[in-house]
PDB file of N, CA and C in Angstrom:
ATOM      1  N   UNK A   1      31.549 -41.200  -2.732  1.00  0.00           N
ATOM      2  CA  UNK A   1      30.338 -41.834  -2.713  1.00  0.00           C
ATOM      3  C   UNK A   1      29.728 -41.594  -1.302  1.00  0.00           C
ATOM      4  N   UNK A   2      28.458 -41.197  -1.294  1.00  0.00           N
ATOM      5  CA  UNK A   2      27.770 -40.986  -0.038  1.00  0.00           C
ATOM      6  C   UNK A   2      27.060 -42.234   0.415  1.00  0.00           C
ATOM      7  N   UNK A   3      26.680 -42.226   1.671  1.00  0.00           N
ATOM      8  CA  UNK A   3      26.004 -43.366   2.248  1.00  0.00           C
ATOM      9  C   UNK A   3      24.630 -43.549   1.606  1.00  0.00           C
ATOM     10  N   UNK A   4      24.006 -42.426   1.239  1.00  0.00           N
ATOM     11  CA  UNK A   4      22.677 -42.529   0.578  1.00  0.00           C
ATOM     12  C   UNK A   4      22.694 -43.126  -0.788  1.00  0.00           C
ATOM     13  N   UNK A   5      23.890 -43.115  -1.441  1.00  0.00           N
ATOM     14  CA  UNK A   5      24.061 -43.744  -2.764  1.00  0.00           C
ATOM     15  C   UNK A   5      23.825 -45.254  -2.671  1.00  0.00           C
ATOM     16  N   UNK A   6      24.026 -45.800  -1.485  1.00  0.00           N
ATOM     17  CA  UNK A   6      23.813 -47.234  -1.294  1.00  0.00           C
ATOM     18  C   UNK A   6      22.386 -47.680  -1.607  1.00  0.00           C
ATOM     19  N   UNK A   7      21.412 -46.758  -1.400  1.00  0.00           N
ATOM     20  CA  UNK A   7      20.017 -47.073  -1.540  1.00  0.00           C
ATOM     21  C   UNK A   7      19.479 -46.768  -2.958  1.00  0.00           C
ATOM     22  N   UNK A   8      20.274 -46.286  -3.855  1.00  0.00           N
ATOM     23  CA  UNK A   8      19.885 -46.019  -5.196  1.00  0.00           C
ATOM     24  C   UNK A   8      19.842 -47.349  -5.973  1.00  0.00           C
ATOM     25  N   UNK A   9      18.875 -47.439  -6.927  1.00  0.00           N
ATOM     26  CA  UNK A   9      18.781 -48.631  -7.729  1.00  0.00           C
ATOM     27  C   UNK A   9      20.026 -48.807  -8.607  1.00  0.00           C
ATOM     28  N   UNK A  10      20.545 -47.713  -9.123  1.00  0.00           N
ATOM     29  CA  UNK A  10      21.690 -47.758 -10.065  1.00  0.00           C
ATOM     30  C   UNK A  10      22.905 -47.423  -9.301  1.00  0.00           C
ATOM     31  N   UNK A  11      23.611 -48.427  -8.748  1.00  0.00           N
ATOM     32  CA  UNK A  11      24.849 -48.141  -8.063  1.00  0.00           C
ATOM     33  C   UNK A  11      25.843 -49.321  -8.329  1.00  0.00           C
ATOM     34  N   UNK A  12      27.071 -49.065  -8.005  1.00  0.00           N
ATOM     35  CA  UNK A  12      28.105 -50.082  -8.302  1.00  0.00           C
ATOM     36  C   UNK A  12      28.431 -50.944  -7.111  1.00  0.00           C
ATOM     37  N   UNK A  13      27.588 -50.834  -6.031  1.00  0.00           N
ATOM     38  CA  UNK A  13      27.851 -51.542  -4.804  1.00  0.00           C
ATOM     39  C   UNK A  13      27.049 -52.861  -4.789  1.00  0.00           C
ATOM     40  N   UNK A  14      27.657 -53.957  -4.460  1.00  0.00           N
ATOM     41  CA  UNK A  14      26.899 -55.180  -4.246  1.00  0.00           C
ATOM     42  C   UNK A  14      26.484 -55.304  -2.811  1.00  0.00           C
ATOM     43  N   UNK A  15      25.241 -55.042  -2.574  1.00  0.00           N
ATOM     44  CA  UNK A  15      24.738 -54.988  -1.176  1.00  0.00           C
ATOM     45  C   UNK A  15      24.806 -56.367  -0.481  1.00  0.00           C
ATOM     46  N   UNK A  16      24.702 -57.419  -1.289  1.00  0.00           N
ATOM     47  CA  UNK A  16      24.767 -58.733  -0.673  1.00  0.00           C
ATOM     48  C   UNK A  16      26.171 -58.972  -0.126  1.00  0.00           C
ATOM     49  N   UNK A  17      27.213 -58.541  -0.795  1.00  0.00           N
ATOM     50  CA  UNK A  17      28.516 -58.698  -0.337  1.00  0.00           C
ATOM     51  C   UNK A  17      28.815 -57.854   0.917  1.00  0.00           C
ATOM     52  N   UNK A  18      28.192 -56.708   0.994  1.00  0.00           N
ATOM     53  CA  UNK A  18      28.382 -55.891   2.241  1.00  0.00           C
ATOM     54  C   UNK A  18      27.777 -56.599   3.445  1.00  0.00           C
ATOM     55  N   UNK A  19      26.565 -57.168   3.283  1.00  0.00           N
ATOM     56  CA  UNK A  19      25.930 -57.876   4.396  1.00  0.00           C
ATOM     57  C   UNK A  19      26.814 -59.054   4.820  1.00  0.00           C
ATOM     58  N   UNK A  20      27.303 -59.867   3.818  1.00  0.00           N
ATOM     59  CA  UNK A  20      28.176 -60.935   4.137  1.00  0.00           C
ATOM     60  C   UNK A  20      29.411 -60.569   4.829  1.00  0.00           C
ATOM     61  N   UNK A  21      30.025 -59.451   4.416  1.00  0.00           N
ATOM     62  CA  UNK A  21      31.313 -59.008   5.011  1.00  0.00           C
ATOM     63  C   UNK A  21      31.013 -58.541   6.447  1.00  0.00           C
ATOM     64  N   UNK A  22      29.906 -57.807   6.693  1.00  0.00           N
ATOM     65  CA  UNK A  22      29.622 -57.377   8.005  1.00  0.00           C
ATOM     66  C   UNK A  22      29.327 -58.619   8.950  1.00  0.00           C
ATOM     67  N   UNK A  23      28.623 -59.566   8.420  1.00  0.00           N
ATOM     68  CA  UNK A  23      28.384 -60.764   9.228  1.00  0.00           C
ATOM     69  C   UNK A  23      29.662 -61.489   9.571  1.00  0.00           C
ATOM     70  N   UNK A  24      30.529 -61.609   8.552  1.00  0.00           N
ATOM     71  CA  UNK A  24      31.802 -62.313   8.797  1.00  0.00           C
ATOM     72  C   UNK A  24      32.674 -61.480   9.793  1.00  0.00           C
ATOM     73  N   UNK A  25      32.610 -60.191   9.669  1.00  0.00           N
ATOM     74  CA  UNK A  25      33.355 -59.319  10.610  1.00  0.00           C
ATOM     75  C   UNK A  25      32.878 -59.548  12.043  1.00  0.00           C
ATOM     76  N   UNK A  26      31.605 -59.615  12.221  1.00  0.00           N
ATOM     77  CA  UNK A  26      31.097 -59.834  13.610  1.00  0.00           C
ATOM     78  C   UNK A  26      31.562 -61.191  14.126  1.00  0.00           C
ATOM     79  N   UNK A  27      31.576 -62.224  13.249  1.00  0.00           N
ATOM     80  CA  UNK A  27      32.035 -63.491  13.742  1.00  0.00           C
ATOM     81  C   UNK A  27      33.560 -63.442  14.139  1.00  0.00           C
ATOM     82  N   UNK A  28      34.304 -62.703  13.342  1.00  0.00           N
ATOM     83  CA  UNK A  28      35.706 -62.585  13.653  1.00  0.00           C
ATOM     84  C   UNK A  28      35.966 -61.832  14.932  1.00  0.00           C
ATOM     85  N   UNK A  29      35.189 -60.729  15.101  1.00  0.00           N
ATOM     86  CA  UNK A  29      35.332 -59.944  16.363  1.00  0.00           C
ATOM     87  C   UNK A  29      34.977 -60.875  17.570  1.00  0.00           C
ATOM     88  N   UNK A  30      33.859 -61.673  17.483  1.00  0.00           N
ATOM     89  CA  UNK A  30      33.564 -62.553  18.538  1.00  0.00           C
ATOM     90  C   UNK A  30      34.665 -63.578  18.822  1.00  0.00           C
ATOM     91  N   UNK A  31      35.235 -64.152  17.746  1.00  0.00           N
ATOM     92  CA  UNK A  31      36.311 -65.125  17.895  1.00  0.00           C
ATOM     93  C   UNK A  31      37.510 -64.555  18.633  1.00  0.00           C
ATOM     94  N   UNK A  32      37.872 -63.332  18.252  1.00  0.00           N
ATOM     95  CA  UNK A  32      39.035 -62.672  18.912  1.00  0.00           C
ATOM     96  C   UNK A  32      38.740 -62.393  20.365  1.00  0.00           C
ATOM     97  N   UNK A  33      37.536 -61.878  20.602  1.00  0.00           N
ATOM     98  CA  UNK A  33      37.133 -61.604  22.015  1.00  0.00           C
ATOM     99  C   UNK A  33      37.033 -62.875  22.841  1.00  0.00           C
ATOM    100  N   UNK A  34      36.643 -63.948  22.272  1.00  0.00           N
ATOM    101  CA  UNK A  34      36.556 -65.220  22.955  1.00  0.00           C
ATOM    102  C   UNK A  34      37.966 -65.761  23.280  1.00  0.00           C
ATOM    103  N   UNK A  35      38.886 -65.617  22.350  1.00  0.00           N
ATOM    104  CA  UNK A  35      40.272 -66.093  22.585  1.00  0.00           C
ATOM    105  C   UNK A  35      40.934 -65.254  23.650  1.00  0.00           C
ATOM    106  N   UNK A  36      40.779 -63.909  23.535  1.00  0.00           N
ATOM    107  CA  UNK A  36      41.408 -63.039  24.557  1.00  0.00           C
ATOM    108  C   UNK A  36      40.774 -63.285  25.901  1.00  0.00           C
ATOM    109  N   UNK A  37      39.479 -63.399  25.960  1.00  0.00           N
ATOM    110  CA  UNK A  37      38.789 -63.692  27.220  1.00  0.00           C
ATOM    111  C   UNK A  37      39.154 -65.012  27.823  1.00  0.00           C
ATOM    112  N   UNK A  38      39.412 -66.021  26.936  1.00  0.00           N
ATOM    113  CA  UNK A  38      39.867 -67.290  27.453  1.00  0.00           C
ATOM    114  C   UNK A  38      41.246 -67.215  28.086  1.00  0.00           C
ATOM    115  N   UNK A  39      42.121 -66.351  27.518  1.00  0.00           N
ATOM    116  CA  UNK A  39      43.460 -66.228  28.128  1.00  0.00           C
ATOM    117  C   UNK A  39      43.385 -65.576  29.514  1.00  0.00           C
ATOM    118  N   UNK A  40      42.457 -64.678  29.666  1.00  0.00           N
ATOM    119  CA  UNK A  40      42.435 -63.981  30.983  1.00  0.00           C
ATOM    120  C   UNK A  40      41.442 -64.643  31.943  1.00  0.00           C
ATOM    121  N   UNK A  41      40.848 -65.762  31.530  1.00  0.00           N
ATOM    122  CA  UNK A  41      39.987 -66.538  32.432  1.00  0.00           C
ATOM    123  C   UNK A  41      38.513 -66.123  32.386  1.00  0.00           C
ATOM    124  N   UNK A  42      38.131 -65.367  31.372  1.00  0.00           N
ATOM    125  CA  UNK A  42      36.720 -65.015  31.238  1.00  0.00           C
ATOM    126  C   UNK A  42      36.052 -65.761  30.191  1.00  0.00           C
ATOM    127  N   UNK A  43      34.971 -66.447  30.511  1.00  0.00           N
ATOM    128  CA  UNK A  43      34.242 -67.277  29.545  1.00  0.00           C
ATOM    129  C   UNK A  43      33.244 -66.408  28.762  1.00  0.00           C
ATOM    130  N   UNK A  44      33.294 -66.503  27.441  1.00  0.00           N
ATOM    131  CA  UNK A  44      32.364 -65.674  26.663  1.00  0.00           C
ATOM    132  C   UNK A  44      31.513 -66.612  25.855  1.00  0.00           C
ATOM    133  N   UNK A  45      30.408 -67.066  26.439  1.00  0.00           N
ATOM    134  CA  UNK A  45      29.521 -67.984  25.736  1.00  0.00           C
ATOM    135  C   UNK A  45      28.694 -67.303  24.621  1.00  0.00           C
ATOM    136  N   UNK A  46      28.345 -68.103  23.624  1.00  0.00           N
ATOM    137  CA  UNK A  46      27.437 -67.571  22.568  1.00  0.00           C
ATOM    138  C   UNK A  46      26.467 -68.704  22.271  1.00  0.00           C
ATOM    139  N   UNK A  47      25.224 -68.217  22.063  1.00  0.00           N
ATOM    140  CA  UNK A  47      24.182 -69.215  21.706  1.00  0.00           C
ATOM    141  C   UNK A  47      24.495 -69.803  20.378  1.00  0.00           C
ATOM    142  N   UNK A  48      24.350 -71.107  20.290  1.00  0.00           N
ATOM    143  CA  UNK A  48      24.673 -71.826  19.039  1.00  0.00           C
ATOM    144  C   UNK A  48      23.761 -71.370  17.919  1.00  0.00           C
ATOM    145  N   UNK A  49      22.474 -71.037  18.216  1.00  0.00           N
ATOM    146  CA  UNK A  49      21.590 -70.584  17.214  1.00  0.00           C
ATOM    147  C   UNK A  49      22.017 -69.268  16.579  1.00  0.00           C
ATOM    148  N   UNK A  50      22.497 -68.379  17.472  1.00  0.00           N
ATOM    149  CA  UNK A  50      22.951 -67.099  16.938  1.00  0.00           C
ATOM    150  C   UNK A  50      24.176 -67.281  16.077  1.00  0.00           C
ATOM    151  N   UNK A  51      25.133 -68.077  16.521  1.00  0.00           N
ATOM    152  CA  UNK A  51      26.359 -68.305  15.711  1.00  0.00           C
ATOM    153  C   UNK A  51      25.998 -68.957  14.378  1.00  0.00           C
ATOM    154  N   UNK A  52      25.122 -69.981  14.400  1.00  0.00           N
ATOM    155  CA  UNK A  52      24.713 -70.660  13.129  1.00  0.00           C
ATOM    156  C   UNK A  52      23.967 -69.639  12.209  1.00  0.00           C
ATOM    157  N   UNK A  53      23.248 -68.701  12.798  1.00  0.00           N
ATOM    158  CA  UNK A  53      22.547 -67.688  12.011  1.00  0.00           C
ATOM    159  C   UNK A  53      23.561 -66.763  11.283  1.00  0.00           C
ATOM    160  N   UNK A  54      24.621 -66.382  11.965  1.00  0.00           N
ATOM    161  CA  UNK A  54      25.652 -65.610  11.339  1.00  0.00           C
ATOM    162  C   UNK A  54      26.394 -66.337  10.243  1.00  0.00           C
ATOM    163  N   UNK A  55      26.604 -67.622  10.447  1.00  0.00           N
ATOM    164  CA  UNK A  55      27.305 -68.483   9.434  1.00  0.00           C
ATOM    165  C   UNK A  55      26.354 -68.566   8.213  1.00  0.00           C
ATOM    166  N   UNK A  56      25.093 -68.774   8.445  1.00  0.00           N
ATOM    167  CA  UNK A  56      24.127 -68.888   7.307  1.00  0.00           C
ATOM    168  C   UNK A  56      24.035 -67.571   6.543  1.00  0.00           C
ATOM    169  N   UNK A  57      23.960 -66.438   7.249  1.00  0.00           N
ATOM    170  CA  UNK A  57      23.879 -65.130   6.588  1.00  0.00           C
ATOM    171  C   UNK A  57      25.188 -64.891   5.783  1.00  0.00           C
ATOM    172  N   UNK A  58      26.345 -65.188   6.339  1.00  0.00           N
ATOM    173  CA  UNK A  58      27.613 -64.993   5.635  1.00  0.00           C
ATOM    174  C   UNK A  58      27.659 -65.852   4.369  1.00  0.00           C
ATOM    175  N   UNK A  59      27.432 -67.159   4.519  1.00  0.00           N
ATOM    176  CA  UNK A  59      27.517 -68.042   3.375  1.00  0.00           C
ATOM    177  C   UNK A  59      26.432 -67.751   2.355  1.00  0.00           C
ATOM    178  N   UNK A  60      25.251 -67.424   2.807  1.00  0.00           N
ATOM    179  CA  UNK A  60      24.152 -67.179   1.937  1.00  0.00           C
ATOM    180  C   UNK A  60      24.451 -65.893   1.158  1.00  0.00           C
ATOM    181  N   UNK A  61      24.891 -64.846   1.761  1.00  0.00           N
ATOM    182  CA  UNK A  61      25.169 -63.561   1.122  1.00  0.00           C
ATOM    183  C   UNK A  61      26.200 -63.715   0.022  1.00  0.00           C
ATOM    184  N   UNK A  62      27.331 -64.323   0.365  1.00  0.00           N
ATOM    185  CA  UNK A  62      28.383 -64.500  -0.632  1.00  0.00           C
ATOM    186  C   UNK A  62      27.943 -65.491  -1.739  1.00  0.00           C
ATOM    187  N   UNK A  63      27.204 -66.492  -1.393  1.00  0.00           N
ATOM    188  CA  UNK A  63      26.699 -67.424  -2.391  1.00  0.00           C
ATOM    189  C   UNK A  63      25.761 -66.794  -3.369  1.00  0.00           C
ATOM    190  N   UNK A  64      24.827 -65.999  -2.848  1.00  0.00           N
ATOM    191  CA  UNK A  64      23.865 -65.301  -3.710  1.00  0.00           C
ATOM    192  C   UNK A  64      24.559 -64.224  -4.585  1.00  0.00           C
ATOM    193  N   UNK A  65      25.551 -63.583  -4.027  1.00  0.00           N
ATOM    194  CA  UNK A  65      26.290 -62.596  -4.818  1.00  0.00           C
ATOM    195  C   UNK A  65      27.014 -63.234  -5.956  1.00  0.00           C
ATOM    196  N   UNK A  66      27.659 -64.394  -5.700  1.00  0.00           N
ATOM    197  CA  UNK A  66      28.388 -65.075  -6.776  1.00  0.00           C
ATOM    198  C   UNK A  66      27.412 -65.673  -7.801  1.00  0.00           C
ATOM    199  N   UNK A  67      26.301 -66.259  -7.314  1.00  0.00           N
ATOM    200  CA  UNK A  67      25.364 -66.811  -8.322  1.00  0.00           C
ATOM    201  C   UNK A  67      24.797 -65.718  -9.186  1.00  0.00           C
ATOM    202  N   UNK A  68      24.530 -64.566  -8.621  1.00  0.00           N
ATOM    203  CA  UNK A  68      23.990 -63.465  -9.388  1.00  0.00           C
ATOM    204  C   UNK A  68      25.044 -62.989 -10.419  1.00  0.00           C
ATOM    205  N   UNK A  69      26.323 -63.030 -10.080  1.00  0.00           N
ATOM    206  CA  UNK A  69      27.338 -62.643 -11.017  1.00  0.00           C
ATOM    207  C   UNK A  69      27.534 -63.707 -12.126  1.00  0.00           C
ATOM    208  N   UNK A  70      27.316 -64.952 -11.808  1.00  0.00           N
ATOM    209  CA  UNK A  70      27.488 -66.005 -12.809  1.00  0.00           C
ATOM    210  C   UNK A  70      26.303 -66.024 -13.780  1.00  0.00           C
ATOM    211  N   UNK A  71      25.049 -65.919 -13.257  1.00  0.00           N
ATOM    212  CA  UNK A  71      23.882 -66.081 -14.112  1.00  0.00           C
ATOM    213  C   UNK A  71      23.344 -64.868 -14.781  1.00  0.00           C
ATOM    214  N   UNK A  72      23.877 -63.700 -14.451  1.00  0.00           N
ATOM    215  CA  UNK A  72      23.434 -62.496 -15.164  1.00  0.00           C
ATOM    216  C   UNK A  72      24.275 -62.291 -16.407  1.00  0.00           C
ATOM    217  N   UNK A  73      23.642 -61.771 -17.437  1.00  0.00           N
ATOM    218  CA  UNK A  73      24.361 -61.522 -18.692  1.00  0.00           C
ATOM    219  C   UNK A  73      25.207 -60.299 -18.565  1.00  0.00           C
ATOM    220  N   UNK A  74      26.327 -60.286 -19.205  1.00  0.00           N
ATOM    221  CA  UNK A  74      27.253 -59.170 -19.204  1.00  0.00           C
ATOM    222  C   UNK A  74      26.700 -58.108 -20.143  1.00  0.00           C
ATOM    223  N   UNK A  75      26.815 -56.842 -19.709  1.00  0.00           N
ATOM    224  CA  UNK A  75      26.298 -55.784 -20.486  1.00  0.00           C
ATOM    225  C   UNK A  75      27.291 -55.364 -21.584  1.00  0.00           C
ATOM    226  N   UNK A  76      28.513 -55.830 -21.496  1.00  0.00           N
ATOM    227  CA  UNK A  76      29.506 -55.492 -22.517  1.00  0.00           C
ATOM    228  C   UNK A  76      29.555 -56.634 -23.518  1.00  0.00           C
ATOM    229  N   UNK A  77      29.519 -56.311 -24.839  1.00  0.00           N
ATOM    230  CA  UNK A  77      29.548 -57.365 -25.832  1.00  0.00           C
ATOM    231  C   UNK A  77      30.941 -58.024 -25.837  1.00  0.00           C
ATOM    232  N   UNK A  78      30.983 -59.223 -26.274  1.00  0.00           N
ATOM    233  CA  UNK A  78      32.278 -59.922 -26.401  1.00  0.00           C
ATOM    234  C   UNK A  78      33.047 -59.360 -27.525  1.00  0.00           C
ATOM    235  N   UNK A  79      34.348 -59.329 -27.318  1.00  0.00           N
ATOM    236  CA  UNK A  79      35.271 -58.759 -28.325  1.00  0.00           C
ATOM    237  C   UNK A  79      35.343 -59.719 -29.512  1.00  0.00           C
ATOM    238  N   UNK A  80      35.373 -59.205 -30.705  1.00  0.00           N
ATOM    239  CA  UNK A  80      35.506 -60.111 -31.851  1.00  0.00           C
ATOM    240  C   UNK A  80      36.929 -60.677 -31.911  1.00  0.00           C
ATOM    241  N   UNK A  81      37.023 -61.920 -32.380  1.00  0.00           N
ATOM    242  CA  UNK A  81      38.316 -62.559 -32.479  1.00  0.00           C
ATOM    243  C   UNK A  81      38.932 -62.145 -33.834  1.00  0.00           C
ATOM    244  N   UNK A  82      40.097 -61.554 -33.743  1.00  0.00           N
ATOM    245  CA  UNK A  82      40.785 -61.100 -34.941  1.00  0.00           C
ATOM    246  C   UNK A  82      41.959 -62.096 -35.205  1.00  0.00           C
ATOM    247  N   UNK A  83      41.928 -62.749 -36.361  1.00  0.00           N
ATOM    248  CA  UNK A  83      42.940 -63.670 -36.689  1.00  0.00           C
ATOM    249  C   UNK A  83      44.032 -62.937 -37.494  1.00  0.00           C
ATOM    250  N   UNK A  84      45.222 -63.154 -37.139  1.00  0.00           N
ATOM    251  CA  UNK A  84      46.313 -62.538 -37.896  1.00  0.00           C
ATOM    252  C   UNK A  84      46.709 -63.535 -38.981  1.00  0.00           C
ATOM    253  N   UNK A  85      47.054 -63.012 -40.174  1.00  0.00           N
ATOM    254  CA  UNK A  85      47.471 -63.887 -41.265  1.00  0.00           C
ATOM    255  C   UNK A  85      48.807 -64.486 -40.961  1.00  0.00           C
ATOM    256  N   UNK A  86      48.872 -65.786 -41.331  1.00  0.00           N
ATOM    257  CA  UNK A  86      50.120 -66.511 -41.107  1.00  0.00           C
ATOM    258  C   UNK A  86      51.057 -66.386 -42.327  1.00  0.00           C
ATOM    259  N   UNK A  87      50.515 -65.987 -43.419  1.00  0.00           N
ATOM    260  CA  UNK A  87      51.339 -65.890 -44.673  1.00  0.00           C
ATOM    261  C   UNK A  87      51.709 -64.396 -44.846  1.00  0.00           C
ATOM    262  N   UNK A  88      52.858 -64.191 -45.424  1.00  0.00           N
ATOM    263  CA  UNK A  88      53.315 -62.830 -45.697  1.00  0.00           C
ATOM    264  C   UNK A  88      52.662 -62.433 -47.003  1.00  0.00           C
ATOM    265  N   UNK A  89      52.737 -61.105 -47.278  1.00  0.00           N
ATOM    266  CA  UNK A  89      52.136 -60.599 -48.543  1.00  0.00           C
ATOM    267  C   UNK A  89      52.878 -61.162 -49.771  1.00  0.00           C
ATOM    268  N   UNK A  90      54.165 -61.340 -49.676  1.00  0.00           N
ATOM    269  CA  UNK A  90      54.874 -61.852 -50.808  1.00  0.00           C
ATOM    270  C   UNK A  90      54.501 -63.317 -51.085  1.00  0.00           C
ATOM    271  N   UNK A  91      54.214 -64.121 -50.041  1.00  0.00           N
ATOM    272  CA  UNK A  91      53.785 -65.477 -50.287  1.00  0.00           C
ATOM    273  C   UNK A  91      52.416 -65.516 -50.950  1.00  0.00           C
ATOM    274  N   UNK A  92      51.547 -64.621 -50.566  1.00  0.00           N
ATOM    275  CA  UNK A  92      50.203 -64.545 -51.236  1.00  0.00           C
ATOM    276  C   UNK A  92      50.355 -64.127 -52.664  1.00  0.00           C
ATOM    277  N   UNK A  93      51.212 -63.114 -52.963  1.00  0.00           N
ATOM    278  CA  UNK A  93      51.449 -62.686 -54.330  1.00  0.00           C
ATOM    279  C   UNK A  93      52.046 -63.812 -55.186  1.00  0.00           C
ATOM    280  N   UNK A  94      52.925 -64.592 -54.613  1.00  0.00           N
ATOM    281  CA  UNK A  94      53.561 -65.686 -55.311  1.00  0.00           C
ATOM    282  C   UNK A  94      52.493 -66.735 -55.655  1.00  0.00           C
ATOM    283  N   UNK A  95      51.618 -66.998 -54.727  1.00  0.00           N
ATOM    284  CA  UNK A  95      50.530 -67.960 -54.964  1.00  0.00           C
ATOM    285  C   UNK A  95      49.595 -67.526 -56.033  1.00  0.00           C
ATOM    286  N   UNK A  96      49.269 -66.187 -56.065  1.00  0.00           N
ATOM    287  CA  UNK A  96      48.374 -65.657 -57.095  1.00  0.00           C
ATOM    288  C   UNK A  96      49.035 -65.689 -58.441  1.00  0.00           C
ATOM    289  N   UNK A  97      50.293 -65.405 -58.483  1.00  0.00           N
ATOM    290  CA  UNK A  97      51.032 -65.408 -59.787  1.00  0.00           C
ATOM    291  C   UNK A  97      51.252 -66.829 -60.349  1.00  0.00           C
ATOM    292  N   UNK A  98      51.265 -67.836 -59.444  1.00  0.00           N
ATOM    293  CA  UNK A  98      51.475 -69.187 -59.887  1.00  0.00           C
ATOM    294  C   UNK A  98      50.211 -69.712 -60.595  1.00  0.00           C
ATOM    295  N   UNK A  99      49.105 -69.145 -60.345  1.00  0.00           N
ATOM    296  CA  UNK A  99      47.868 -69.633 -60.961  1.00  0.00           C
ATOM    297  C   UNK A  99      47.824 -69.150 -62.347  1.00  0.00           C
TER     298      UNK A  99
END
């Protein structure tokens, strides 16, 4: 799959999940950098508005992706339920002969 396939209307990629994953990845990278920086005595401040924006994008992307999956109709039809007979052929024949 090429990068340009991401921009096609008919693709198997959920773009909302990609955005959510990238946003979550940036938050994880910041957290690791902040912890490592704290151990070596370097303070790594982040603006609360920026952090809350990443949280909102992450939760929003994953929430929209899941809601879209729940509320869209499946393109594959449901499989018919096949009931297996509980009686054997000889029991059916005996019942028919008894009448």
